Protein backbone atom coordinates (compact mmCIF):
# COMPACT_ATOMS: atom_id res chain seq x y z
CA MET A 1 0.00 0.00 0.00
CA ARG A 2 1.30 3.47 -0.79
CA THR A 3 0.20 6.61 0.92
CA ALA A 4 1.49 10.10 1.53
CA VAL A 5 3.51 10.74 4.69
CA PRO A 6 3.27 14.33 5.91
CA GLN A 7 6.68 16.06 5.90
CA GLY A 8 8.55 12.75 5.97
CA HIS A 9 7.30 11.76 9.42
CA TYR A 10 6.11 8.24 9.94
CA LYS A 11 5.07 5.88 12.69
CA THR A 12 6.44 2.35 13.11
CA VAL A 13 3.99 -0.48 13.63
CA THR A 14 5.52 -3.93 14.11
CA LEU A 15 3.61 -7.15 13.40
CA VAL A 16 4.86 -10.43 14.84
CA ALA A 17 3.21 -13.79 14.24
CA GLY A 18 3.81 -17.50 13.98
CA LEU A 19 3.42 -19.07 10.55
CA ARG A 20 1.75 -22.44 10.14
CA LEU A 21 0.66 -24.32 7.05
CA SER A 22 -2.90 -23.36 8.02
CA GLY A 23 -2.09 -19.63 8.35
CA LEU A 24 -0.90 -17.14 10.96
CA ALA A 25 -0.87 -17.93 14.67
CA ALA A 26 -0.41 -15.65 17.68
CA ALA A 27 -0.44 -12.48 15.55
CA LYS A 28 0.13 -9.26 17.48
CA ALA A 29 0.80 -5.68 16.43
CA PHE A 30 2.99 -3.33 18.44
CA ASP A 31 2.59 0.43 18.04
CA LYS A 32 6.38 0.90 18.08
CA PRO A 33 9.57 -0.88 17.05
CA ILE A 34 10.04 -4.23 18.76
CA ASN A 35 12.82 -4.91 21.25
CA ALA A 36 13.94 -8.02 23.15
CA THR A 37 11.60 -7.34 26.09
CA LEU A 38 8.50 -7.02 23.88
CA PHE A 39 9.53 -10.03 21.81
CA GLU A 40 10.09 -12.23 24.86
CA ASP A 41 6.73 -11.12 26.29
CA TRP A 42 5.02 -12.05 22.98
CA VAL A 43 6.72 -15.46 22.93
CA GLU A 44 5.68 -16.22 26.50
CA LYS A 45 2.12 -14.88 26.44
CA CYS A 46 1.03 -15.28 22.81
CA LEU A 47 3.15 -17.86 20.98
CA VAL A 48 3.83 -20.55 23.59
CA PRO A 49 0.12 -21.12 24.39
CA THR A 50 -0.50 -21.94 20.69
CA LEU A 51 2.28 -24.54 20.44
CA SER A 52 1.68 -28.27 20.42
CA GLN A 53 4.07 -31.09 21.21
CA GLY A 54 6.45 -31.54 18.29
CA ASP A 55 6.09 -27.98 16.95
CA VAL A 56 9.33 -26.36 15.83
CA VAL A 57 10.06 -22.65 16.31
CA GLY A 58 12.67 -20.95 14.14
CA MET A 59 13.85 -17.34 14.32
CA ASP A 60 16.06 -15.15 12.21
CA SER A 61 18.97 -13.15 13.62
CA LEU A 62 17.06 -9.94 14.40
CA SER A 63 18.61 -8.35 17.50
CA SER A 64 15.30 -8.45 19.39
CA HIS A 65 15.39 -12.26 19.12
CA LYS A 66 18.65 -12.31 21.11
CA GLY A 67 17.46 -11.29 24.55
CA PRO A 68 18.98 -12.73 27.73
CA ARG A 69 16.10 -15.21 28.15
CA GLN A 70 16.68 -16.82 24.73
CA PRO A 71 18.50 -20.17 24.67
CA GLY A 72 22.09 -19.86 23.51
CA HIS A 73 22.16 -16.11 24.14
CA GLU A 74 25.64 -14.67 24.21
CA PRO A 75 26.09 -10.96 24.96
CA ASP A 76 27.61 -8.92 22.14
CA ARG A 77 31.34 -8.68 22.60
CA LYS A 78 32.88 -5.38 21.59
């Protein structure tokens, strides 16, 4: 969709969801950019309740997926 943005200002809306063969699961929109805290809250409260035994969850390498509560998390070394 294309629309005009007044004076170059815009608002970020982030949509997160699980993808199944039957469609989207646990879809949620955030009225701001997502961070690790919001992502972990979504996983715990929205995604996990929809999972069944044997389901597999995969994630890309977005920084918000690398919070301290994620398995295998290693802090960025600078």
